[in-house]
Amino acid sequence: MSLEPDLVALLKRLKLGQVIPTLPDRLALARAQKLDYAALLTLILADEVQRRDSLALERRLLAAGFEERVTLDDFDWTTAIQIDRRHLNELFSLHFLARKEHVLLIGPVGVGKTLLAQALGATATRAAHSVLFRRADLLLRELGQARADHSFEAAFRRYLAPDLLILDDFGLQRLNQQQSEDLYALVIERHRRASFIVTSNRDVSEWVGLFADPILANSALDRLANGAHQLVIDGPSYRAKLAPAHPRRRP
């Protein structure tokens, strides 16, 4: 059935034009099921709310900058990974976000720290939280470049804004003085206001030595690590398991 032009114009004026394609089907359903006006209006508006929620989720996922979109179901539990499943499931309840707490995922290369961090981030976006995922070295490099082109304040605010900031692969290399100061400032400003997830191959006890200034290090880590949820993951790399097998060459 076709819609009256006046109705189409009003829907567009109210920025409800996206309900137009499905409205004839909804009207037909209302007639078939003898729905009253209130039930029909509820049905139409529920469609629009669902559409807007889906668009908002997609925007949050894009803004997060994940390397890949994953969930906890994508984690390979068939490998000999040692992890506190109960603690992990508690983290996926997102209570730590409500309490503005931090999460540290610690373990050797290839045990799934980045996957779990992104899965936690994706869960947070689906719960309407803003999330930003960055490799730690790239974030600090971006702040350094922003200093050079006088856009530091805008860049810094970008990392202050999200409910959850994920710093991946922290500790790959030692920080210089400016990077130490920038990371210190970021931790100080976000502490008790928003959450971090940090993944690292290094034990937390080694982090102080990564900073150029031990005073900054101790102050930052006192806020970031003390009281944080520390989840230690151990076991063989399952990334190697995903590598294609190459037949041995005959001598």
Protein backbone atom coordinates (compact mmCIF):
# COMPACT_ATOMS: atom_id res chain seq x y z
CA MET A 1 0.00 0.00 0.00
CA SER A 2 1.15 3.54 -0.72
CA LEU A 3 1.42 6.25 1.91
CA GLU A 4 -0.28 9.62 1.71
CA PRO A 5 2.16 12.32 0.49
CA ASP A 6 1.28 14.53 3.47
CA LEU A 7 2.21 11.71 5.88
CA VAL A 8 5.52 11.14 4.09
CA ALA A 9 6.30 14.87 4.24
CA LEU A 10 5.52 15.05 7.97
CA LEU A 11 7.67 12.01 8.75
CA LYS A 12 10.59 13.53 6.87
CA ARG A 13 10.14 16.88 8.59
CA LEU A 14 10.25 15.11 11.97
CA LYS A 15 13.39 13.25 10.83
CA LEU A 16 11.48 9.97 10.84
CA GLY A 17 11.95 9.27 7.16
CA GLN A 18 13.61 5.93 7.87
CA VAL A 19 10.29 4.45 9.04
CA ILE A 20 8.73 5.03 5.62
CA PRO A 21 9.98 1.80 3.95
CA THR A 22 8.59 -0.42 6.73
CA LEU A 23 5.46 1.59 7.55
CA PRO A 24 3.15 -0.09 4.96
CA ASP A 25 4.00 -3.50 6.45
CA ARG A 26 3.34 -2.23 9.95
CA LEU A 27 -0.02 -0.77 8.91
CA ALA A 28 -0.98 -4.06 7.26
CA LEU A 29 0.03 -5.95 10.42
CA ALA A 30 -2.04 -3.57 12.54
CA ARG A 31 -5.12 -4.23 10.40
CA ALA A 32 -4.59 -8.00 10.42
CA GLN A 33 -4.12 -8.15 14.19
CA LYS A 34 -6.67 -5.40 14.91
CA LEU A 35 -4.13 -3.35 16.87
CA ASP A 36 -5.33 -0.12 18.43
CA TYR A 37 -3.66 3.20 17.63
CA ALA A 38 -1.42 3.13 20.71
CA ALA A 39 -0.13 -0.37 19.90
CA LEU A 40 0.56 0.61 16.30
CA LEU A 41 2.39 3.76 17.35
CA THR A 42 4.45 1.75 19.84
CA LEU A 43 5.39 -0.73 17.11
CA ILE A 44 6.46 2.01 14.69
CA LEU A 45 8.48 3.90 17.29
CA ALA A 46 10.13 0.69 18.53
CA ASP A 47 11.36 0.07 14.97
CA GLU A 48 12.86 3.55 14.86
CA VAL A 49 14.50 3.22 18.28
CA GLN A 50 16.04 -0.11 17.25
CA ARG A 51 17.35 1.43 14.04
CA ARG A 52 18.89 4.40 15.86
CA ASP A 53 20.43 2.15 18.51
CA SER A 54 22.01 0.02 15.77
CA LEU A 55 23.44 3.09 14.06
CA ALA A 56 24.77 4.46 17.35
CA LEU A 57 26.45 1.14 18.12
CA GLU A 58 28.08 1.06 14.70
CA ARG A 59 29.38 4.61 15.23
CA ARG A 60 30.84 3.65 18.61
CA LEU A 61 32.50 0.55 17.15
CA LEU A 62 34.05 2.59 14.34
CA ALA A 63 35.18 5.32 16.73
CA ALA A 64 36.81 2.73 19.01
CA GLY A 65 39.41 1.89 16.37
CA PHE A 66 39.57 -1.83 17.11
CA GLU A 67 42.04 -3.83 15.03
CA GLU A 68 39.33 -6.49 14.69
CA ARG A 69 35.82 -7.01 15.99
CA VAL A 70 35.84 -9.92 18.38
CA THR A 71 33.86 -11.30 21.30
CA LEU A 72 34.75 -13.62 24.16
CA ASP A 73 33.45 -16.49 22.00
CA ASP A 74 36.39 -15.90 19.64
CA PHE A 75 38.92 -16.79 22.34
CA ASP A 76 40.55 -20.17 21.72
CA TRP A 77 39.92 -22.20 24.85
CA THR A 78 41.35 -25.38 23.30
CA THR A 79 44.95 -24.29 23.98
CA ALA A 80 46.68 -24.82 27.31
CA ILE A 81 46.01 -21.26 28.47
CA GLN A 82 46.03 -20.61 32.20
CA ILE A 83 43.60 -17.87 33.16
CA ASP A 84 41.20 -17.14 36.02
CA ARG A 85 37.90 -17.71 34.19
CA ARG A 86 35.83 -16.51 37.13
CA HIS A 87 37.71 -13.21 37.27
CA LEU A 88 37.46 -12.87 33.48
CA ASN A 89 33.69 -13.39 33.52
CA GLU A 90 33.41 -10.78 36.27
CA LEU A 91 35.24 -8.29 34.07
CA PHE A 92 32.77 -8.93 31.25
CA SER A 93 29.97 -7.84 33.59
CA LEU A 94 31.53 -4.35 33.20
CA HIS A 95 31.20 -3.52 36.89
CA PHE A 96 34.76 -2.17 36.74
CA LEU A 97 33.57 0.52 34.31
CA ALA A 98 30.80 1.65 36.63
CA ARG A 99 33.37 1.91 39.44
CA LYS A 100 35.95 3.68 37.25
CA GLU A 101 38.48 0.91 37.89
CA HIS A 102 41.34 -0.26 35.70
CA VAL A 103 42.19 -3.66 34.19
CA LEU A 104 45.69 -5.00 33.52
CA LEU A 105 46.06 -8.02 31.21
CA ILE A 106 49.54 -9.46 31.69
CA GLY A 107 51.18 -12.37 29.90
CA PRO A 108 53.63 -13.51 27.23
CA VAL A 109 53.27 -12.96 23.51
CA GLY A 110 50.41 -14.70 21.75
CA VAL A 111 48.20 -15.76 24.65
CA GLY A 112 45.25 -13.56 23.63
CA LYS A 113 45.65 -10.39 25.69
CA THR A 114 44.79 -8.09 22.79
CA LEU A 115 41.82 -10.23 21.77
CA LEU A 116 40.41 -10.17 25.30
CA ALA A 117 40.99 -6.41 25.60
CA GLN A 118 39.12 -5.79 22.35
CA ALA A 119 36.34 -8.20 23.34
CA LEU A 120 35.93 -6.29 26.61
CA GLY A 121 35.91 -3.06 24.65
CA ALA A 122 33.29 -4.35 22.24
CA THR A 123 31.12 -5.45 25.16
CA ALA A 124 31.43 -1.95 26.59
CA THR A 125 30.37 -0.34 23.30
CA ARG A 126 27.29 -2.57 23.22
CA ALA A 127 26.46 -1.28 26.68
CA ALA A 128 26.54 2.29 25.27
CA HIS A 129 30.00 3.17 26.63
CA SER A 130 32.52 5.13 24.58
CA VAL A 131 35.75 3.21 23.96
CA LEU A 132 39.09 3.98 22.31
CA PHE A 133 41.67 1.31 21.45
CA ARG A 134 45.29 2.30 20.81
CA ARG A 135 48.66 0.64 20.83
CA ALA A 136 50.55 2.38 23.62
CA ASP A 137 53.52 3.36 21.46
CA LEU A 138 51.27 4.84 18.77
CA LEU A 139 49.27 6.85 21.31
CA LEU A 140 52.44 8.38 22.75
CA ARG A 141 53.79 9.04 19.27
CA GLU A 142 50.54 10.78 18.31
CA LEU A 143 50.79 12.99 21.39
CA GLY A 144 54.40 13.81 20.49
CA GLN A 145 53.40 14.77 16.95
CA ALA A 146 50.53 16.86 18.33
CA ARG A 147 53.04 18.82 20.41
CA ALA A 148 55.04 19.54 17.28
CA ASP A 149 52.06 20.91 15.33
CA HIS A 150 50.51 22.72 18.34
CA SER A 151 47.42 20.49 18.51
CA PHE A 152 48.38 18.78 21.77
CA GLU A 153 45.40 19.96 23.83
CA ALA A 154 42.89 18.62 21.30
CA ALA A 155 44.75 15.32 21.00
CA PHE A 156 45.02 14.97 24.78
CA ARG A 157 41.30 15.68 25.25
CA ARG A 158 40.54 12.93 22.76
CA TYR A 159 42.22 10.40 25.06
CA LEU A 160 40.54 11.83 28.15
CA ALA A 161 37.05 11.60 26.67
CA PRO A 162 36.19 7.88 26.38
CA ASP A 163 34.70 5.87 29.22
CA LEU A 164 37.29 3.19 28.46
CA LEU A 165 40.77 3.72 27.03
CA ILE A 166 42.58 0.53 25.97
CA LEU A 167 46.38 0.76 25.85
CA ASP A 168 47.66 -2.28 24.00
CA ASP A 169 51.21 -3.66 24.21
CA PHE A 170 52.48 -1.28 26.86
CA GLY A 171 56.16 -1.73 27.68
CA LEU A 172 57.55 -2.76 24.32
CA GLN A 173 60.22 -0.10 24.72
CA ARG A 174 61.43 2.40 27.29
CA LEU A 175 59.74 5.82 27.38
CA ASN A 176 61.65 9.04 26.89
CA GLN A 177 61.15 11.99 29.24
CA GLN A 178 58.34 13.58 27.22
CA GLN A 179 56.49 10.29 26.78
CA SER A 180 56.84 9.63 30.50
CA GLU A 181 55.32 13.03 31.27
CA ASP A 182 52.49 12.56 28.76
CA LEU A 183 51.55 9.12 30.09
CA TYR A 184 51.74 10.39 33.67
CA ALA A 185 49.41 13.29 32.80
CA LEU A 186 46.97 10.94 31.05
CA VAL A 187 46.83 8.57 34.02
CA ILE A 188 46.43 11.43 36.51
CA GLU A 189 43.59 13.05 34.56
CA ARG A 190 41.66 9.82 33.92
CA HIS A 191 42.10 8.22 37.35
CA ARG A 192 38.78 7.91 39.21
CA ARG A 193 37.03 9.52 36.23
CA ALA A 194 37.27 6.77 33.61
CA SER A 195 38.81 3.33 33.13
CA PHE A 196 41.92 1.94 31.46
CA ILE A 197 42.60 -1.51 30.10
CA VAL A 198 46.34 -2.08 29.66
CA THR A 199 47.89 -5.14 28.03
CA SER A 200 51.57 -5.91 28.49
CA ASN A 201 54.14 -8.66 28.06
CA ARG A 202 55.97 -7.33 31.13
CA ASP A 203 55.13 -7.97 34.75
CA VAL A 204 53.83 -4.86 36.50
CA SER A 205 56.91 -4.88 38.75
CA GLU A 206 58.99 -4.01 35.65
CA TRP A 207 56.94 -0.98 34.63
CA VAL A 208 58.72 1.55 36.85
CA GLY A 209 61.93 0.94 34.91
CA LEU A 210 60.20 1.85 31.64
CA PHE A 211 59.79 5.50 32.64
CA ALA A 212 62.56 8.06 32.22
CA ASP A 213 61.66 9.56 35.60
CA PRO A 214 61.13 7.18 38.55
CA ILE A 215 59.12 9.78 40.47
CA LEU A 216 56.62 10.11 37.62
CA ALA A 217 56.59 6.34 37.28
CA ASN A 218 55.75 5.68 40.91
CA SER A 219 53.05 8.35 40.96
CA ALA A 220 51.42 7.10 37.74
CA LEU A 221 51.61 3.43 38.66
CA ASP A 222 50.29 4.06 42.15
CA ARG A 223 47.06 5.17 40.48
CA LEU A 224 47.04 2.82 37.50
CA ALA A 225 48.15 -0.48 39.03
CA ASN A 226 47.33 -0.36 42.74
CA GLY A 227 43.80 -1.65 43.17
CA ALA A 228 43.47 -2.53 39.48
CA HIS A 229 42.07 -5.85 38.29
CA GLN A 230 45.19 -7.80 37.31
CA LEU A 231 44.52 -10.82 35.12
CA VAL A 232 47.62 -12.88 34.42
CA ILE A 233 47.46 -15.13 31.36
CA ASP A 234 50.01 -17.86 30.82
CA GLY A 235 50.57 -20.64 28.34
CA PRO A 236 51.87 -21.29 24.83
CA SER A 237 51.22 -18.85 22.02
CA TYR A 238 48.16 -19.84 20.07
CA ARG A 239 49.12 -17.29 17.44
CA ALA A 240 51.76 -19.78 16.31
CA LYS A 241 48.99 -22.36 16.10
CA LEU A 242 47.24 -20.18 13.51
CA ALA A 243 50.34 -19.90 11.30
CA PRO A 244 50.12 -21.85 8.02
CA ALA A 245 52.04 -25.08 8.01
CA HIS A 246 54.88 -25.27 5.48
CA PRO A 247 56.01 -28.64 4.19
CA ARG A 248 59.62 -29.43 4.89
CA ARG A 249 61.91 -29.29 1.92
CA ARG A 250 63.79 -32.40 1.09
CA PRO A 251 67.57 -32.04 1.25
